[in-house]
Amino acid sequence: MKSLSLFFVLSMLLSVSNLVSADNMPLQDCITKKLVECSIKINESGTHYTGQFILDIKNLKPTPITLVIQPGLLYIAEDDPKQNFVTTKEEIITLTPSGSRTLAIQAMCIENSDSAPDDDSRYKIGTLADGNLLEMAKFVNDKKLYGKSETQSAIWCVANGNSITSIMGADTTINKSLMEMVSKLTGQKMPTRQALSGYEYDYYSTDYKVQVSGEFEYKISKVAEITIGMFDRNNIIVRELYNNPQQPIGNHKLEFSFDATVYTNDLYYFKLLRNGEVVLNMEYEKD
């Protein structure tokens, strides 16, 4: 009788252990074990740093499952010229038996020389990043720095070896925090104040040699974060031109300018983003 009871207790413990191990299982492991299937769609209102992908995840089992999308999870382009991405915000989701969830995820480009995805681009879930890129993704998640253009610049410093001086944005505290992390990971020295002076490295500089200006007219019905980004022909941001994390309600004329001697391409796109999603788009082409 005692041996039978012991067998029953051990069986119960093993069952509980199996249940616990299934909770918070990484998405990529759930896919490998055929617990879920996942499809990736391009978010037409996203950018390469503000939520480029929408995931459709379906539970293939008749029992609930809780899984985690880890910071550092990679998204791999099936078309080589397109950018690969890294997750910058952790998501924990619970799926009901045979249930599905659709969610937009925060990820950033790790290849600044490739083109941003378009509507026809196809992606697959990759492995977890390692080394400095993984540490950077965890840092962005922990500090809640996802969805910011200056964070994208910091990711490129780690992934592509870009200069630490390319980290530039409206919030100088965030800039410094990102620079310190990049310096720690890559060994690049913290830039001096002099190195960050001048239009090219200073978000607030109005030292234009040849000024090109424009404006968006936009009505805001609810307080929102409004930014205006300047993108090249590959839809990669080259400079943020306007940033207000608490744009008030009302009708607004939002003006922006750039120096045409620094940004010399023949084509740029200006995009107005509300809470990270593109709502207006303007094309600029040199005569």
Protein backbone atom coordinates (compact mmCIF):
# COMPACT_ATOMS: atom_id res chain seq x y z
CA MET A 1 0.00 0.00 0.00
CA LYS A 2 2.83 2.36 0.88
CA SER A 3 4.63 1.65 -2.39
CA LEU A 4 1.40 2.30 -4.32
CA SER A 5 0.92 5.62 -2.50
CA LEU A 6 4.53 6.58 -3.21
CA PHE A 7 4.04 5.78 -6.89
CA PHE A 8 0.90 7.95 -6.95
CA VAL A 9 2.71 10.89 -5.30
CA LEU A 10 5.63 10.61 -7.72
CA SER A 11 3.24 10.52 -10.66
CA MET A 12 1.49 13.64 -9.39
CA LEU A 13 4.81 15.43 -8.94
CA LEU A 14 5.89 14.53 -12.46
CA SER A 15 2.59 15.78 -13.85
CA VAL A 16 2.90 19.07 -11.99
CA SER A 17 6.50 19.38 -13.16
CA ASN A 18 5.44 18.92 -16.77
CA LEU A 19 2.74 21.56 -16.40
CA VAL A 20 5.14 24.09 -14.89
CA SER A 21 7.77 23.49 -17.58
CA ALA A 22 5.18 24.28 -20.27
CA ASP A 23 4.48 27.69 -18.78
CA ASN A 24 6.44 30.67 -20.10
CA MET A 25 8.07 28.50 -22.72
CA PRO A 26 9.87 30.62 -25.35
CA LEU A 27 7.88 31.03 -28.55
CA GLN A 28 10.62 29.49 -30.69
CA ASP A 29 10.60 26.35 -28.50
CA CYS A 30 6.82 26.12 -28.71
CA ILE A 31 7.09 26.20 -32.50
CA THR A 32 9.84 23.54 -32.55
CA LYS A 33 7.78 21.27 -30.26
CA LYS A 34 4.72 21.84 -32.47
CA LEU A 35 2.74 23.26 -29.57
CA VAL A 36 1.85 26.36 -31.57
CA GLU A 37 2.05 27.67 -35.08
CA CYS A 38 2.98 31.27 -35.82
CA SER A 39 2.60 33.41 -38.91
CA ILE A 40 4.16 36.85 -39.38
CA LYS A 41 2.51 39.75 -41.17
CA ILE A 42 3.95 43.17 -41.99
CA ASN A 43 2.37 46.01 -40.04
CA GLU A 44 1.58 48.54 -42.77
CA SER A 45 1.48 51.38 -40.20
CA GLY A 46 4.73 50.39 -38.52
CA THR A 47 8.34 51.31 -39.18
CA HIS A 48 11.57 49.40 -38.72
CA TYR A 49 11.79 50.66 -35.13
CA THR A 50 8.14 51.06 -34.03
CA GLY A 51 6.41 47.72 -34.48
CA GLN A 52 7.10 46.29 -37.92
CA PHE A 53 5.41 42.91 -37.36
CA ILE A 54 2.07 41.41 -36.38
CA LEU A 55 2.14 37.83 -35.11
CA ASP A 56 -0.74 35.36 -35.41
CA ILE A 57 -0.16 32.56 -32.87
CA LYS A 58 -2.39 29.50 -32.66
CA ASN A 59 -2.38 26.88 -29.89
CA LEU A 60 -2.27 23.43 -31.50
CA LYS A 61 -3.09 21.60 -28.26
CA PRO A 62 -6.39 21.04 -26.37
CA THR A 63 -4.85 22.51 -23.20
CA PRO A 64 -3.95 26.12 -22.35
CA ILE A 65 -0.38 27.29 -22.78
CA THR A 66 1.52 30.37 -21.62
CA LEU A 67 4.48 31.40 -23.75
CA VAL A 68 7.00 34.22 -23.79
CA ILE A 69 8.34 36.26 -26.69
CA GLN A 70 11.80 37.08 -25.35
CA PRO A 71 13.80 40.23 -25.92
CA GLY A 72 16.52 39.12 -28.30
CA LEU A 73 14.34 36.81 -30.41
CA LEU A 74 15.29 37.23 -34.07
CA TYR A 75 13.05 37.60 -37.12
CA ILE A 76 14.77 36.45 -40.29
CA ALA A 77 13.90 37.75 -43.76
CA GLU A 78 13.33 35.09 -46.38
CA ASP A 79 14.31 37.69 -49.01
CA ASP A 80 18.00 38.43 -48.48
CA PRO A 81 18.05 42.20 -49.27
CA LYS A 82 15.50 42.85 -46.50
CA GLN A 83 16.41 43.66 -42.92
CA ASN A 84 16.52 41.14 -40.09
CA PHE A 85 15.05 42.20 -36.74
CA VAL A 86 15.45 41.64 -33.01
CA THR A 87 12.68 41.72 -30.39
CA THR A 88 13.05 44.62 -27.97
CA LYS A 89 10.00 44.12 -25.72
CA GLU A 90 9.06 40.98 -23.84
CA GLU A 91 5.53 39.68 -24.31
CA ILE A 92 3.93 36.95 -22.20
CA ILE A 93 0.70 35.57 -23.60
CA THR A 94 -1.69 32.81 -22.60
CA LEU A 95 -3.53 30.83 -25.25
CA THR A 96 -6.75 29.00 -24.46
CA PRO A 97 -7.11 25.39 -25.66
CA SER A 98 -6.89 25.53 -29.47
CA GLY A 99 -7.13 29.32 -29.16
CA SER A 100 -5.38 32.08 -31.12
CA ARG A 101 -3.91 35.52 -30.42
CA THR A 102 -2.91 38.34 -32.73
CA LEU A 103 -0.50 40.97 -31.47
CA ALA A 104 1.85 43.66 -32.72
CA ILE A 105 5.35 43.19 -31.37
CA GLN A 106 8.20 45.62 -30.75
CA ALA A 107 11.28 44.77 -32.79
CA MET A 108 14.12 46.74 -34.35
CA CYS A 109 16.26 46.37 -37.44
CA ILE A 110 19.74 44.87 -37.05
CA GLU A 111 20.91 45.55 -40.63
CA ASN A 112 20.93 49.23 -41.49
CA SER A 113 22.37 48.63 -44.97
CA ASP A 114 19.37 46.57 -46.11
CA SER A 115 15.89 47.76 -47.12
CA ALA A 116 12.95 47.88 -44.73
CA PRO A 117 10.23 45.26 -45.35
CA ASP A 118 7.39 45.91 -47.76
CA ASP A 119 3.93 44.35 -47.96
CA ASP A 120 5.25 41.30 -49.85
CA SER A 121 8.16 40.56 -47.51
CA ARG A 122 8.15 37.21 -45.75
CA TYR A 123 9.71 36.46 -42.38
CA LYS A 124 10.27 33.50 -40.10
CA ILE A 125 11.00 33.16 -36.39
CA GLY A 126 14.71 32.72 -35.77
CA THR A 127 16.79 31.81 -32.75
CA LEU A 128 17.62 33.93 -29.72
CA ALA A 129 20.39 36.46 -30.33
CA ASP A 130 23.58 36.07 -28.32
CA GLY A 131 26.42 38.21 -27.04
CA ASN A 132 26.18 41.98 -27.14
CA LEU A 133 23.02 42.07 -29.23
CA LEU A 134 21.14 39.97 -26.68
CA GLU A 135 22.41 42.16 -23.84
CA MET A 136 21.32 45.28 -25.71
CA ALA A 137 17.84 43.88 -26.37
CA LYS A 138 17.44 43.00 -22.68
CA PHE A 139 18.58 46.50 -21.71
CA VAL A 140 16.04 48.12 -24.06
CA ASN A 141 13.27 45.94 -22.63
CA ASP A 142 14.22 46.59 -19.00
CA LYS A 143 14.46 50.37 -19.51
CA LYS A 144 11.33 50.48 -21.72
CA LEU A 145 13.26 52.19 -24.54
CA TYR A 146 11.57 50.34 -27.42
CA GLY A 147 9.91 52.29 -30.24
CA LYS A 148 12.42 55.17 -30.20
CA SER A 149 14.63 56.26 -33.09
CA GLU A 150 17.63 56.84 -30.81
CA THR A 151 17.31 53.25 -29.56
CA GLN A 152 17.38 52.04 -33.16
CA SER A 153 20.65 53.93 -33.63
CA ALA A 154 22.05 52.21 -30.51
CA ILE A 155 21.01 48.79 -31.84
CA TRP A 156 22.88 49.56 -35.07
CA CYS A 157 25.97 50.52 -33.06
CA VAL A 158 25.98 47.06 -31.48
CA ALA A 159 24.85 45.03 -34.50
CA ASN A 160 26.63 46.88 -37.32
CA GLY A 161 29.49 48.72 -35.63
CA ASN A 162 28.08 52.22 -36.18
CA SER A 163 29.65 55.13 -34.33
CA ILE A 164 28.35 55.92 -30.87
CA THR A 165 27.92 59.53 -32.03
CA SER A 166 25.03 58.40 -34.26
CA ILE A 167 22.81 58.04 -31.17
CA MET A 168 20.75 61.22 -31.30
CA GLY A 169 17.26 62.19 -30.18
CA ALA A 170 15.03 64.62 -28.33
CA ASP A 171 15.62 63.17 -24.85
CA THR A 172 19.24 63.78 -23.88
CA THR A 173 18.89 61.57 -20.78
CA ILE A 174 17.90 58.62 -22.94
CA ASN A 175 20.72 59.42 -25.38
CA LYS A 176 23.27 59.30 -22.57
CA SER A 177 21.88 56.06 -21.14
CA LEU A 178 22.06 54.38 -24.55
CA MET A 179 25.55 55.70 -25.21
CA GLU A 180 26.78 54.37 -21.87
CA MET A 181 25.39 50.92 -22.64
CA VAL A 182 26.87 50.91 -26.16
CA SER A 183 30.21 52.02 -24.73
CA LYS A 184 30.09 49.21 -22.17
CA LEU A 185 29.28 46.56 -24.77
CA THR A 186 31.45 47.67 -27.68
CA GLY A 187 34.34 49.47 -26.04
CA GLN A 188 33.65 52.71 -27.90
CA LYS A 189 34.58 55.73 -25.82
CA MET A 190 31.88 58.08 -24.62
CA PRO A 191 31.89 61.09 -26.96
CA THR A 192 32.89 64.51 -25.71
CA ARG A 193 30.48 67.43 -25.74
CA GLN A 194 32.51 68.92 -28.59
CA ALA A 195 32.17 65.72 -30.65
CA LEU A 196 28.37 66.01 -30.41
CA SER A 197 28.19 69.67 -31.40
CA GLY A 198 26.97 70.84 -34.79
CA TYR A 199 23.92 69.98 -36.83
CA GLU A 200 24.82 66.43 -37.82
CA TYR A 201 25.03 65.17 -34.22
CA ASP A 202 22.75 67.59 -32.36
CA TYR A 203 18.98 67.02 -32.49
CA TYR A 204 18.29 70.62 -31.44
CA SER A 205 20.74 72.32 -33.80
CA THR A 206 19.34 74.90 -36.23
CA ASP A 207 22.72 75.54 -37.81
CA TYR A 208 21.47 75.03 -41.37
CA LYS A 209 23.61 75.85 -44.38
CA VAL A 210 20.78 75.11 -46.82
CA GLN A 211 17.44 74.82 -45.04
CA VAL A 212 14.55 72.80 -46.46
CA SER A 213 11.28 73.06 -44.54
CA GLY A 214 7.81 71.56 -44.57
CA GLU A 215 4.78 71.06 -42.38
CA PHE A 216 2.02 68.59 -41.59
CA GLU A 217 -1.49 69.69 -40.66
CA TYR A 218 -3.03 67.20 -38.30
CA LYS A 219 -5.98 67.07 -35.91
CA ILE A 220 -5.46 65.21 -32.65
CA SER A 221 -8.52 64.00 -30.74
CA LYS A 222 -6.57 62.47 -27.85
CA VAL A 223 -3.22 63.38 -26.29
CA ALA A 224 -0.58 61.31 -28.10
CA GLU A 225 3.12 60.96 -28.80
CA ILE A 226 3.74 62.65 -32.14
CA THR A 227 7.00 62.36 -34.06
CA ILE A 228 8.10 63.24 -37.58
CA GLY A 229 10.79 61.08 -39.12
CA MET A 230 12.86 61.61 -42.25
CA PHE A 231 13.35 58.34 -44.17
CA ASP A 232 15.48 57.45 -47.18
CA ARG A 233 14.30 55.59 -50.29
CA ASN A 234 14.76 52.27 -48.45
CA ASN A 235 12.37 53.47 -45.73
CA ILE A 236 15.18 53.70 -43.17
CA ILE A 237 15.06 56.64 -40.78
CA VAL A 238 17.97 59.06 -41.14
CA ARG A 239 16.82 61.76 -38.72
CA GLU A 240 13.94 62.55 -36.40
CA LEU A 241 12.72 66.09 -37.09
CA TYR A 242 9.96 66.54 -34.50
CA ASN A 243 9.15 64.88 -31.19
CA ASN A 244 6.42 65.66 -28.67
CA PRO A 245 5.58 62.79 -26.30
CA GLN A 246 2.45 64.65 -25.10
CA GLN A 247 0.99 66.44 -28.11
CA PRO A 248 -2.21 68.18 -26.91
CA ILE A 249 -5.66 67.80 -28.42
CA GLY A 250 -6.55 70.10 -31.31
CA ASN A 251 -5.60 71.16 -34.82
CA HIS A 252 -1.87 71.53 -35.34
CA LYS A 253 0.55 72.75 -37.95
CA LEU A 254 3.69 70.76 -37.26
CA GLU A 255 6.73 72.33 -38.90
CA PHE A 256 10.01 70.58 -39.62
CA SER A 257 13.33 71.42 -41.31
CA PHE A 258 16.57 69.78 -42.36
CA ASP A 259 19.93 70.79 -43.80
CA ALA A 260 20.16 69.79 -47.47
CA THR A 261 23.98 69.93 -47.38
CA VAL A 262 24.02 67.08 -44.83
CA TYR A 263 21.16 65.00 -46.25
CA THR A 264 21.91 65.03 -49.97
CA ASN A 265 19.88 62.15 -51.41
CA ASP A 266 17.50 62.97 -54.24
CA LEU A 267 14.51 61.37 -52.47
CA TYR A 268 13.24 61.35 -48.87
CA TYR A 269 9.97 60.47 -47.17
CA PHE A 270 8.64 62.42 -44.21
CA LYS A 271 6.35 60.42 -41.96
CA LEU A 272 4.16 61.65 -39.13
CA LEU A 273 3.81 58.98 -36.45
CA ARG A 274 1.16 58.88 -33.73
CA ASN A 275 2.12 56.56 -30.88
CA GLY A 276 4.56 54.80 -33.20
CA GLU A 277 2.21 54.30 -36.15
CA VAL A 278 2.46 56.15 -39.46
CA VAL A 279 -0.62 58.30 -40.10
CA LEU A 280 0.67 60.75 -42.73
CA ASN A 281 3.34 60.43 -45.39
CA MET A 282 4.98 63.11 -47.54
CA GLU A 283 7.48 62.65 -50.37
CA TYR A 284 10.33 65.08 -51.07
CA GLU A 285 12.25 64.91 -54.32
CA LYS A 286 14.96 67.28 -55.45
CA ASP A 287 14.28 69.24 -58.61
